[in-house]
Every structure is written in C-alpha cells, then in structure tokens.
C-alpha cells in the first residue's frame, strides 16, 4: 500500500519570545499560508506571546475545477459537498495537521494551548481534525466552513465538547454544540 502521507510546510510567526499558545490557521481552496498572515496584526491580541502557524496545503488536482492543480486540503468532486467526499485526501490532511499539533507539543505548546482555525476548506479541516483529536484543544475557529459531515466521516468518533463552539458563516453567526 503506498504511503499517502506528507508533511506540511508552514509560515511561523511569533508575537513574542517563549510563546504560550499556538494558533494553527488553515487557508481555503486555492490559497496558501500567506492568505491569513495579516490576521496577526489585525487581531490586536493582548501581550501574551502567541505562535501563529499558517501551513500550506499540498498542490493537487481539484475535480470541481476541471482537474486544475491548486493548493487544496482535499479534492472537491461535486458541487453537492455532501454527495462525494474525498476520504483519502481528508484523512491525509488530518494526519498532516495532527503532525503539526504534535510538533507544537514537542516545542512546549500542549494541545490545550492550541487553537485550530481555518477559512472555507481550511475551516472544514479545522472542525474535522479538532473534533476528533484525542486531546482537548484550546478551541476551534471555523470561518465560512463547509463542514464534512456524511458517510464514513459522520460515524467517526468525535470529542465531547463541553464549551461553546462558534461557527462564523458568511450569512450569520450561530452557536453550535
């Protein structure tokens, strides 16, 4: 069986020495890690030193875009996002994101001090990975997500979330549980 794993390269920005938290922010389809770098300044966060990681999704053909090669966390095969899901691509990206979480743990940032964030396809991966991670994370930020929710993914185990998860969608803000 071929090894479909890969390591993600990422832009690494810290707001001070000895970061206490990490925000791992995943971009949307066709973008790269540079897409959300300006958020570091725009958030105007408190003086707590934070590490921001902006990984780059792998380049791969995207079926819905005529097979055009672009950065994508997984293939999108149909306009009905729940009709067909790229199980292999989703799992491969999930494992690569988990590798980044584990690397942060080795660097001194435990999972409960790490926030997974993402936009669009990156938000789908943040939700999918964060809700299934064996350790409780500090939080999940999902902006304009297209949640992965059917088939084999719907039955895969999720963490029990005892805190509020806010999903920010283009049209509204809604608390979910």
N, C-alpha and C. Protein backbone atom coordinates (compact mmCIF):
# COMPACT_ATOMS: atom_id res chain seq x y z
N UNK A 1 0.85 -1.18 0.00
CA UNK A 1 0.00 0.00 0.00
C UNK A 1 0.89 1.24 0.00
N UNK A 2 0.64 2.20 -0.91
CA UNK A 2 1.51 3.38 -0.98
C UNK A 2 1.31 4.28 0.23
N UNK A 3 2.38 5.00 0.58
CA UNK A 3 2.32 5.95 1.69
C UNK A 3 1.80 7.27 1.15
N UNK A 4 0.59 7.66 1.54
CA UNK A 4 -0.03 8.89 1.06
C UNK A 4 0.17 10.05 2.02
N UNK A 5 1.06 9.90 3.00
CA UNK A 5 1.25 10.96 3.97
C UNK A 5 2.17 12.04 3.39
N UNK A 6 2.14 13.20 3.99
CA UNK A 6 3.01 14.30 3.59
C UNK A 6 3.20 15.20 4.79
N UNK A 7 4.25 16.00 4.76
CA UNK A 7 4.48 16.98 5.81
C UNK A 7 4.13 18.34 5.26
N UNK A 8 3.51 19.14 6.10
CA UNK A 8 3.11 20.48 5.70
C UNK A 8 4.22 21.48 6.02
N UNK A 9 4.57 22.30 5.07
CA UNK A 9 5.43 23.44 5.38
C UNK A 9 4.49 24.55 5.87
N UNK A 10 5.02 25.43 6.71
CA UNK A 10 4.18 26.46 7.30
C UNK A 10 4.96 27.74 7.55
N UNK A 11 4.28 28.84 7.46
CA UNK A 11 4.83 30.12 7.88
C UNK A 11 4.68 30.18 9.39
N UNK A 12 5.75 30.55 10.09
CA UNK A 12 5.79 30.55 11.55
C UNK A 12 6.06 31.98 12.02
N UNK A 13 5.07 32.57 12.71
CA UNK A 13 5.20 33.94 13.21
C UNK A 13 4.91 33.94 14.71
N UNK A 14 5.78 34.55 15.49
CA UNK A 14 5.54 34.66 16.93
C UNK A 14 5.39 36.13 17.30
N UNK A 15 4.52 36.37 18.29
CA UNK A 15 4.28 37.75 18.74
C UNK A 15 5.15 38.11 19.93
N UNK A 16 6.00 37.22 20.37
CA UNK A 16 6.90 37.47 21.48
C UNK A 16 7.74 36.24 21.75
N UNK A 17 8.72 36.38 22.63
CA UNK A 17 9.57 35.23 22.93
C UNK A 17 8.82 34.25 23.83
N UNK A 18 9.18 32.99 23.73
CA UNK A 18 8.58 31.91 24.52
C UNK A 18 7.05 31.90 24.42
N UNK A 19 6.50 31.61 23.24
CA UNK A 19 5.04 31.61 23.07
C UNK A 19 4.36 30.64 24.04
N UNK A 20 3.19 31.06 24.52
CA UNK A 20 2.40 30.25 25.43
C UNK A 20 1.24 29.54 24.72
N UNK A 21 0.87 30.03 23.55
CA UNK A 21 -0.23 29.48 22.77
C UNK A 21 0.18 29.41 21.31
N UNK A 22 -0.50 28.53 20.58
CA UNK A 22 -0.33 28.46 19.13
C UNK A 22 -1.71 28.54 18.49
N UNK A 23 -1.79 29.32 17.42
CA UNK A 23 -2.98 29.33 16.57
C UNK A 23 -2.52 28.78 15.22
N UNK A 24 -3.06 27.63 14.86
CA UNK A 24 -2.73 26.95 13.62
C UNK A 24 -3.86 27.26 12.64
N UNK A 25 -3.58 28.10 11.63
CA UNK A 25 -4.61 28.67 10.77
C UNK A 25 -4.48 28.13 9.35
N UNK A 26 -5.54 27.45 8.88
CA UNK A 26 -5.53 26.83 7.55
C UNK A 26 -6.35 27.65 6.55
N UNK A 27 -5.77 27.84 5.39
CA UNK A 27 -6.37 28.64 4.33
C UNK A 27 -7.45 27.88 3.57
N UNK A 28 -8.11 28.59 2.68
CA UNK A 28 -9.13 27.99 1.83
C UNK A 28 -8.56 27.45 0.52
N UNK A 29 -9.44 26.87 -0.27
CA UNK A 29 -9.10 26.26 -1.55
C UNK A 29 -8.38 27.26 -2.46
N UNK A 30 -7.25 26.84 -3.00
CA UNK A 30 -6.53 27.64 -3.97
C UNK A 30 -5.60 28.70 -3.40
N UNK A 31 -5.70 28.97 -2.11
CA UNK A 31 -4.83 29.96 -1.47
C UNK A 31 -3.60 29.25 -0.93
N UNK A 32 -2.83 29.94 -0.10
CA UNK A 32 -1.73 29.29 0.61
C UNK A 32 -1.62 29.93 1.99
N UNK A 33 -0.63 29.54 2.75
CA UNK A 33 -0.49 30.02 4.12
C UNK A 33 -0.38 31.53 4.24
N UNK A 34 0.09 32.20 3.19
CA UNK A 34 0.22 33.65 3.22
C UNK A 34 -1.13 34.36 3.31
N UNK A 35 -2.19 33.68 2.95
CA UNK A 35 -3.51 34.29 2.86
C UNK A 35 -3.96 34.97 4.15
N UNK A 36 -3.64 34.39 5.30
CA UNK A 36 -4.11 34.94 6.56
C UNK A 36 -3.01 35.53 7.44
N UNK A 37 -1.81 35.66 6.92
CA UNK A 37 -0.72 36.29 7.68
C UNK A 37 -1.12 37.66 8.23
N UNK A 38 -1.84 38.50 7.48
CA UNK A 38 -2.22 39.82 8.01
C UNK A 38 -3.11 39.77 9.25
N UNK A 39 -3.69 38.62 9.54
CA UNK A 39 -4.57 38.50 10.72
C UNK A 39 -3.78 38.71 12.01
N UNK A 40 -2.49 38.42 12.00
CA UNK A 40 -1.68 38.57 13.22
C UNK A 40 -1.74 40.01 13.71
N UNK A 41 -1.53 40.96 12.83
CA UNK A 41 -1.60 42.38 13.21
C UNK A 41 -3.05 42.82 13.43
N UNK A 42 -3.96 42.35 12.60
CA UNK A 42 -5.36 42.80 12.66
C UNK A 42 -6.06 42.39 13.95
N UNK A 43 -5.68 41.27 14.54
CA UNK A 43 -6.36 40.80 15.75
C UNK A 43 -6.04 41.65 16.96
N UNK A 44 -4.90 42.32 16.96
CA UNK A 44 -4.52 43.19 18.07
C UNK A 44 -4.72 42.47 19.41
N UNK A 45 -4.08 41.31 19.53
CA UNK A 45 -4.22 40.47 20.71
C UNK A 45 -3.46 41.02 21.90
N UNK A 46 -3.79 40.55 23.10
CA UNK A 46 -3.07 41.02 24.29
C UNK A 46 -1.59 40.64 24.22
N UNK A 47 -0.85 41.08 25.19
CA UNK A 47 0.61 40.91 25.21
C UNK A 47 1.07 39.47 25.42
N UNK A 48 0.18 38.52 25.44
CA UNK A 48 0.55 37.11 25.61
C UNK A 48 1.30 36.67 24.34
N UNK A 49 2.50 36.09 24.49
CA UNK A 49 3.22 35.64 23.29
C UNK A 49 2.51 34.44 22.65
N UNK A 50 2.22 34.58 21.37
CA UNK A 50 1.48 33.56 20.62
C UNK A 50 2.28 33.19 19.38
N UNK A 51 2.29 31.91 19.05
CA UNK A 51 2.88 31.45 17.78
C UNK A 51 1.71 31.22 16.81
N UNK A 52 1.82 31.80 15.64
CA UNK A 52 0.86 31.55 14.56
C UNK A 52 1.55 30.65 13.54
N UNK A 53 0.88 29.59 13.16
CA UNK A 53 1.36 28.72 12.09
C UNK A 53 0.35 28.78 10.96
N UNK A 54 0.83 29.06 9.77
CA UNK A 54 0.00 29.14 8.58
C UNK A 54 0.50 28.10 7.58
N UNK A 55 0.01 26.86 7.69
CA UNK A 55 0.51 25.81 6.79
C UNK A 55 -0.01 25.99 5.36
N UNK A 56 0.73 25.41 4.43
CA UNK A 56 0.37 25.41 3.02
C UNK A 56 -0.20 24.02 2.69
N UNK A 57 -1.43 23.97 2.20
CA UNK A 57 -1.99 22.70 1.74
C UNK A 57 -1.18 22.20 0.55
N UNK A 58 -1.21 20.90 0.31
CA UNK A 58 -0.47 20.38 -0.86
C UNK A 58 -1.14 20.82 -2.17
N UNK A 59 -0.36 20.83 -3.22
CA UNK A 59 -0.91 21.10 -4.55
C UNK A 59 -1.42 19.79 -5.12
N UNK A 60 -2.65 19.83 -5.64
CA UNK A 60 -3.25 18.62 -6.19
C UNK A 60 -4.36 19.00 -7.17
N UNK A 61 -4.72 18.09 -8.07
CA UNK A 61 -5.83 18.38 -8.98
C UNK A 61 -7.14 18.46 -8.19
N UNK A 62 -7.99 19.43 -8.56
CA UNK A 62 -9.29 19.59 -7.92
C UNK A 62 -10.36 19.35 -8.98
N UNK A 63 -11.09 18.26 -8.82
CA UNK A 63 -12.06 17.81 -9.82
C UNK A 63 -13.06 18.89 -10.20
N UNK A 64 -13.64 19.57 -9.21
CA UNK A 64 -14.67 20.57 -9.48
C UNK A 64 -14.15 21.74 -10.31
N UNK A 65 -12.83 21.94 -10.31
CA UNK A 65 -12.19 22.99 -11.11
C UNK A 65 -11.52 22.42 -12.35
N UNK A 66 -12.12 21.38 -12.90
CA UNK A 66 -11.62 20.80 -14.15
C UNK A 66 -10.28 20.11 -14.01
N UNK A 67 -9.94 19.67 -12.79
CA UNK A 67 -8.68 18.99 -12.56
C UNK A 67 -7.49 19.93 -12.45
N UNK A 68 -7.76 21.23 -12.40
CA UNK A 68 -6.69 22.21 -12.27
C UNK A 68 -5.90 21.96 -10.99
N UNK A 69 -4.59 22.01 -11.06
CA UNK A 69 -3.74 21.77 -9.89
C UNK A 69 -3.65 23.05 -9.07
N UNK A 70 -4.02 22.94 -7.81
CA UNK A 70 -4.00 24.07 -6.89
C UNK A 70 -3.82 23.56 -5.47
N UNK A 71 -3.59 24.48 -4.56
CA UNK A 71 -3.49 24.08 -3.15
C UNK A 71 -4.88 23.72 -2.65
N UNK A 72 -4.97 22.53 -2.06
CA UNK A 72 -6.25 22.04 -1.54
C UNK A 72 -5.98 21.04 -0.43
N UNK A 73 -6.81 21.09 0.60
CA UNK A 73 -6.68 20.14 1.70
C UNK A 73 -7.21 18.77 1.29
N UNK A 74 -8.13 18.76 0.32
CA UNK A 74 -8.70 17.52 -0.22
C UNK A 74 -9.39 17.88 -1.53
N UNK A 75 -9.67 16.89 -2.35
CA UNK A 75 -10.34 17.11 -3.62
C UNK A 75 -11.82 17.40 -3.37
N UNK A 76 -12.37 18.29 -4.16
CA UNK A 76 -13.82 18.53 -4.16
C UNK A 76 -14.33 17.97 -5.47
N UNK A 77 -15.17 16.95 -5.38
CA UNK A 77 -15.57 16.22 -6.56
C UNK A 77 -16.92 16.62 -7.13
N UNK A 78 -17.73 17.35 -6.36
CA UNK A 78 -19.10 17.64 -6.77
C UNK A 78 -19.56 18.92 -6.10
N UNK A 79 -20.47 19.65 -6.73
CA UNK A 79 -20.99 20.87 -6.12
C UNK A 79 -21.84 20.59 -4.89
N UNK A 80 -22.39 19.41 -4.82
CA UNK A 80 -23.10 18.98 -3.61
C UNK A 80 -22.04 18.39 -2.69
N UNK A 81 -21.52 19.23 -1.78
CA UNK A 81 -20.37 18.84 -0.96
C UNK A 81 -20.60 17.56 -0.17
N UNK A 82 -21.85 17.23 0.12
CA UNK A 82 -22.10 16.02 0.91
C UNK A 82 -22.30 14.80 0.02
N UNK A 83 -22.36 15.01 -1.29
CA UNK A 83 -22.58 13.90 -2.22
C UNK A 83 -21.36 12.97 -2.28
N UNK A 84 -20.19 13.55 -2.46
CA UNK A 84 -18.97 12.76 -2.58
C UNK A 84 -17.88 13.43 -1.76
N UNK A 85 -17.29 12.69 -0.87
CA UNK A 85 -16.19 13.23 -0.07
C UNK A 85 -14.92 12.47 -0.39
N UNK A 86 -13.83 13.19 -0.43
CA UNK A 86 -12.52 12.62 -0.72
C UNK A 86 -11.93 12.08 0.58
N UNK A 87 -12.34 10.87 0.93
CA UNK A 87 -11.91 10.27 2.20
C UNK A 87 -10.39 10.22 2.31
N UNK A 88 -9.71 9.80 1.25
CA UNK A 88 -8.25 9.68 1.29
C UNK A 88 -7.61 11.04 1.53
N UNK A 89 -8.03 12.05 0.79
CA UNK A 89 -7.46 13.38 0.94
C UNK A 89 -7.74 14.00 2.30
N UNK A 90 -8.95 13.81 2.80
CA UNK A 90 -9.32 14.35 4.12
C UNK A 90 -8.47 13.69 5.20
N UNK A 91 -8.37 12.38 5.15
CA UNK A 91 -7.55 11.67 6.16
C UNK A 91 -6.08 12.07 6.07
N UNK A 92 -5.56 12.21 4.86
CA UNK A 92 -4.16 12.58 4.67
C UNK A 92 -3.90 13.97 5.27
N UNK A 93 -4.78 14.91 5.00
CA UNK A 93 -4.61 16.26 5.56
C UNK A 93 -4.80 16.25 7.07
N UNK A 94 -5.76 15.47 7.55
CA UNK A 94 -5.97 15.37 9.00
C UNK A 94 -4.70 14.88 9.69
N UNK A 95 -4.07 13.86 9.14
CA UNK A 95 -2.84 13.33 9.75
C UNK A 95 -1.70 14.35 9.69
N UNK A 96 -1.61 15.10 8.60
CA UNK A 96 -0.57 16.12 8.50
C UNK A 96 -0.80 17.24 9.51
N UNK A 97 -2.05 17.61 9.74
CA UNK A 97 -2.38 18.63 10.74
C UNK A 97 -2.07 18.11 12.14
N UNK A 98 -2.39 16.86 12.39
CA UNK A 98 -2.07 16.24 13.69
C UNK A 98 -0.55 16.27 13.91
N UNK A 99 0.22 16.03 12.85
CA UNK A 99 1.68 16.11 12.97
C UNK A 99 2.12 17.51 13.42
N UNK A 100 1.48 18.55 12.91
CA UNK A 100 1.81 19.91 13.34
C UNK A 100 1.43 20.12 14.81
N UNK A 101 0.30 19.58 15.22
CA UNK A 101 -0.13 19.69 16.64
C UNK A 101 0.89 18.98 17.53
N UNK A 102 1.32 17.80 17.13
CA UNK A 102 2.30 17.05 17.91
C UNK A 102 3.66 17.77 17.94
N UNK A 103 4.03 18.39 16.83
CA UNK A 103 5.28 19.15 16.80
C UNK A 103 5.21 20.33 17.78
N UNK A 104 4.06 20.99 17.82
CA UNK A 104 3.90 22.09 18.77
C UNK A 104 4.00 21.59 20.21
N UNK A 105 3.46 20.42 20.48
CA UNK A 105 3.56 19.83 21.82
C UNK A 105 5.03 19.60 22.18
N UNK A 106 5.80 19.09 21.22
CA UNK A 106 7.23 18.88 21.45
C UNK A 106 7.97 20.21 21.65
N UNK A 107 7.44 21.28 21.07
CA UNK A 107 8.05 22.61 21.21
C UNK A 107 7.58 23.32 22.49
N UNK A 108 6.74 22.65 23.28
CA UNK A 108 6.32 23.22 24.56
C UNK A 108 4.92 23.80 24.59
N UNK A 109 4.15 23.68 23.51
CA UNK A 109 2.76 24.16 23.48
C UNK A 109 1.85 22.94 23.50
N UNK A 110 1.26 22.63 24.66
CA UNK A 110 0.39 21.46 24.74
C UNK A 110 -0.91 21.68 23.96
N UNK A 111 -1.61 20.61 23.59
CA UNK A 111 -2.85 20.75 22.82
C UNK A 111 -3.88 21.70 23.46
N UNK A 112 -3.95 21.75 24.78
CA UNK A 112 -4.94 22.64 25.40
C UNK A 112 -4.54 24.11 25.35
N UNK A 113 -3.41 24.40 24.70
CA UNK A 113 -2.98 25.77 24.44
C UNK A 113 -2.89 26.03 22.93
N UNK A 114 -3.55 25.19 22.15
CA UNK A 114 -3.50 25.31 20.70
C UNK A 114 -4.92 25.48 20.15
N UNK A 115 -5.07 26.44 19.28
CA UNK A 115 -6.35 26.69 18.61
C UNK A 115 -6.18 26.33 17.14
N UNK A 116 -7.12 25.53 16.64
CA UNK A 116 -7.17 25.25 15.20
C UNK A 116 -8.12 26.26 14.58
N UNK A 117 -7.69 26.91 13.52
CA UNK A 117 -8.53 27.89 12.84
C UNK A 117 -8.44 27.64 11.34
N UNK A 118 -9.48 28.07 10.65
CA UNK A 118 -9.44 27.93 9.20
C UNK A 118 -10.57 28.67 8.53
N UNK A 119 -10.37 28.86 7.22
CA UNK A 119 -11.35 29.50 6.37
C UNK A 119 -11.77 28.53 5.28
N UNK A 120 -13.07 28.40 5.05
CA UNK A 120 -13.63 27.59 3.98
C UNK A 120 -13.13 26.14 4.10
N UNK A 121 -12.39 25.65 3.10
CA UNK A 121 -11.91 24.27 3.17
C UNK A 121 -10.98 24.07 4.36
N UNK A 122 -10.21 25.10 4.72
CA UNK A 122 -9.37 25.03 5.91
C UNK A 122 -10.20 24.95 7.18
N UNK A 123 -11.36 25.61 7.19
CA UNK A 123 -12.27 25.54 8.34
C UNK A 123 -12.85 24.14 8.47
N UNK A 124 -13.18 23.54 7.33
CA UNK A 124 -13.68 22.17 7.36
C UNK A 124 -12.65 21.24 7.98
N UNK A 125 -11.37 21.43 7.63
CA UNK A 125 -10.32 20.60 8.21
C UNK A 125 -10.11 20.91 9.69
N UNK A 126 -10.24 22.18 10.08
CA UNK A 126 -10.10 22.54 11.50
C UNK A 126 -11.18 21.84 12.32
N UNK A 127 -12.41 21.89 11.83
CA UNK A 127 -13.51 21.23 12.55
C UNK A 127 -13.31 19.72 12.56
N UNK A 128 -13.04 19.16 11.41
CA UNK A 128 -12.88 17.71 11.32
C UNK A 128 -11.75 17.21 12.22
N UNK A 129 -10.60 17.84 12.15
CA UNK A 129 -9.44 17.41 12.92
C UNK A 129 -9.61 17.72 14.40
N UNK A 130 -10.05 18.93 14.70
CA UNK A 130 -10.18 19.34 16.11
C UNK A 130 -11.20 18.54 16.89
N UNK A 131 -12.32 18.23 16.26
CA UNK A 131 -13.36 17.47 16.95
C UNK A 131 -13.00 16.00 17.14
N UNK A 132 -12.03 15.53 16.40
CA UNK A 132 -11.62 14.13 16.50
C UNK A 132 -10.26 13.95 17.19
N UNK A 133 -9.65 15.04 17.59
CA UNK A 133 -8.34 14.94 18.22
C UNK A 133 -8.49 14.29 19.60
N UNK A 134 -7.59 13.39 19.97
CA UNK A 134 -7.75 12.69 21.26
C UNK A 134 -7.60 13.60 22.48
N UNK A 135 -6.89 14.73 22.33
CA UNK A 135 -6.74 15.68 23.44
C UNK A 135 -7.64 16.87 23.21
N UNK A 136 -8.08 17.47 24.29
CA UNK A 136 -8.89 18.67 24.18
C UNK A 136 -8.00 19.83 23.74
N UNK A 137 -8.43 20.52 22.71
CA UNK A 137 -7.71 21.68 22.21
C UNK A 137 -8.26 22.93 22.90
N UNK A 138 -7.52 24.04 22.81
CA UNK A 138 -7.97 25.30 23.39
C UNK A 138 -9.20 25.83 22.67
N UNK A 139 -9.36 25.51 21.39
CA UNK A 139 -10.53 25.96 20.66
C UNK A 139 -10.42 25.67 19.18
N UNK A 140 -11.52 25.95 18.50
CA UNK A 140 -11.61 25.79 17.05
C UNK A 140 -12.30 27.04 16.51
N UNK A 141 -11.71 27.65 15.50
CA UNK A 141 -12.32 28.78 14.81
C UNK A 141 -12.60 28.34 13.38
N UNK A 142 -13.85 28.38 12.98
CA UNK A 142 -14.23 27.96 11.63
C UNK A 142 -14.95 29.11 10.93
N UNK A 143 -14.29 29.70 9.95
CA UNK A 143 -14.85 30.83 9.22
C UNK A 143 -15.35 30.36 7.86
N UNK A 144 -16.63 30.57 7.60
CA UNK A 144 -17.24 30.24 6.31
C UNK A 144 -16.93 28.79 5.93
N UNK A 145 -17.26 27.88 6.84
CA UNK A 145 -16.88 26.49 6.62
C UNK A 145 -17.90 25.74 5.78
N UNK A 146 -17.41 24.66 5.22
CA UNK A 146 -18.26 23.68 4.54
C UNK A 146 -17.99 22.37 5.28
N UNK A 147 -18.74 22.15 6.35
CA UNK A 147 -18.47 21.03 7.25
C UNK A 147 -18.52 19.69 6.53
N UNK A 148 -17.58 18.84 6.87
CA UNK A 148 -17.52 17.47 6.37
C UNK A 148 -18.43 16.66 7.29
N UNK A 149 -19.49 16.06 6.74
CA UNK A 149 -20.46 15.50 7.68
C UNK A 149 -21.22 14.26 7.23
N UNK A 150 -20.86 13.62 6.17
CA UNK A 150 -21.65 12.47 5.76
C UNK A 150 -20.80 11.22 5.66
N UNK A 151 -21.46 10.13 5.35
CA UNK A 151 -20.76 8.87 5.10
C UNK A 151 -19.89 8.42 6.24
N UNK A 152 -18.70 7.93 5.89
CA UNK A 152 -17.76 7.40 6.89
C UNK A 152 -17.37 8.45 7.91
N UNK A 153 -17.37 9.73 7.52
CA UNK A 153 -16.94 10.79 8.43
C UNK A 153 -17.97 11.03 9.53
N UNK A 154 -19.24 10.91 9.20
CA UNK A 154 -20.29 11.16 10.20
C UNK A 154 -20.21 10.15 11.32
N UNK A 155 -19.75 8.95 11.03
CA UNK A 155 -19.71 7.92 12.06
C UNK A 155 -18.37 7.84 12.78
N UNK A 156 -17.37 8.62 12.34
CA UNK A 156 -16.08 8.58 13.04
C UNK A 156 -16.20 9.30 14.37
N UNK A 157 -15.48 8.82 15.39
CA UNK A 157 -15.65 9.37 16.74
C UNK A 157 -15.25 10.83 16.85
N UNK A 158 -16.04 11.57 17.60
CA UNK A 158 -15.76 12.98 17.87
C UNK A 158 -15.58 13.19 19.36
N UNK A 159 -14.81 14.20 19.71
CA UNK A 159 -14.64 14.59 21.10
C UNK A 159 -15.94 15.20 21.62
N UNK A 160 -16.19 15.01 22.88
CA UNK A 160 -17.30 15.70 23.52
C UNK A 160 -16.81 17.10 23.83
N UNK A 161 -17.49 18.09 23.30
CA UNK A 161 -17.09 19.48 23.51
C UNK A 161 -17.95 20.05 24.63
N UNK A 162 -17.29 20.45 25.71
CA UNK A 162 -18.04 20.97 26.86
C UNK A 162 -18.03 22.50 26.88
N UNK A 163 -17.48 23.11 25.83
CA UNK A 163 -17.50 24.56 25.73
C UNK A 163 -18.15 24.94 24.41
N UNK A 164 -18.53 26.18 24.29
CA UNK A 164 -19.24 26.65 23.12
C UNK A 164 -18.34 26.71 21.91
N UNK A 165 -18.82 26.20 20.82
CA UNK A 165 -18.14 26.29 19.54
C UNK A 165 -18.92 27.30 18.71
N UNK A 166 -18.25 28.32 18.24
CA UNK A 166 -18.90 29.34 17.42
C UNK A 166 -18.48 29.11 15.97
N UNK A 167 -19.45 28.99 15.10
CA UNK A 167 -19.17 28.88 13.67
C UNK A 167 -19.56 30.20 13.03
N UNK A 168 -18.61 30.84 12.37
CA UNK A 168 -18.87 32.10 11.67
C UNK A 168 -19.07 31.79 10.20
N UNK A 169 -20.27 31.98 9.74
CA UNK A 169 -20.57 31.76 8.34
C UNK A 169 -20.78 33.09 7.64
N UNK A 170 -20.76 33.07 6.34
CA UNK A 170 -20.89 34.30 5.57
C UNK A 170 -22.17 35.05 5.93
N UNK A 171 -23.27 34.35 6.15
CA UNK A 171 -24.56 34.99 6.35
C UNK A 171 -24.90 35.26 7.82
N UNK A 172 -24.33 34.49 8.73
CA UNK A 172 -24.72 34.65 10.12
C UNK A 172 -23.69 34.03 11.07
N UNK A 173 -23.87 34.35 12.35
CA UNK A 173 -23.07 33.75 13.41
C UNK A 173 -24.01 32.84 14.19
N UNK A 174 -23.62 31.59 14.37
CA UNK A 174 -24.53 30.69 15.07
C UNK A 174 -23.78 29.83 16.08
N UNK A 175 -24.26 29.79 17.34
CA UNK A 175 -23.65 28.86 18.28
C UNK A 175 -24.10 27.44 17.94
N UNK A 176 -23.17 26.52 18.01
CA UNK A 176 -23.50 25.13 17.74
C UNK A 176 -22.96 24.28 18.87
N UNK A 177 -23.41 23.08 18.95
CA UNK A 177 -22.93 22.22 20.02
C UNK A 177 -22.61 20.86 19.57
